[in-house]
């Protein structure tokens, strides 16, 4: 019996080490033509979040706001995040790298050749937030503004 309990404890501890963090999703309307998707996240012991999909969303990404947690839940400085579509493409176009753990940050992710043909990124499907390098049990919020 003692061996069984020890094995069970090791399995449960090991499962916690492989957790994928958590994300709470909120959907809202700011105007008739703009909707928001808010992703409030908490990292796992490895400082990561992944595995939670949004519901189906459709539109152009207008703006994305990153809000780091504060106090004891403040992420590690220069943490990274992506917001991937069903094809594994980062709709943030790499603009979620090396984020400040103190300052709110906003970006307007554009795609194109970077000089003359930049366009807003269109999404039509589910999105998955992935966070890395945030530290153990750290928090933050990502707000995505979508044009219908």
Foldseek 3Di string as FASTA:
>chain_A
DVVVVVVVVVVVVVVQQPDAWDWDWDKADPDPFKIKIKIKTWGGQQFKHKDDKDFWDWFFWAKKKKFWDDDPQQFDFQKFKFKAAPVRDGLQQRPRTRHGSHDMDMDQRWDDPPPPDTDTRIGTGMIMMMIHRGHHGHIIMMMTMGGD
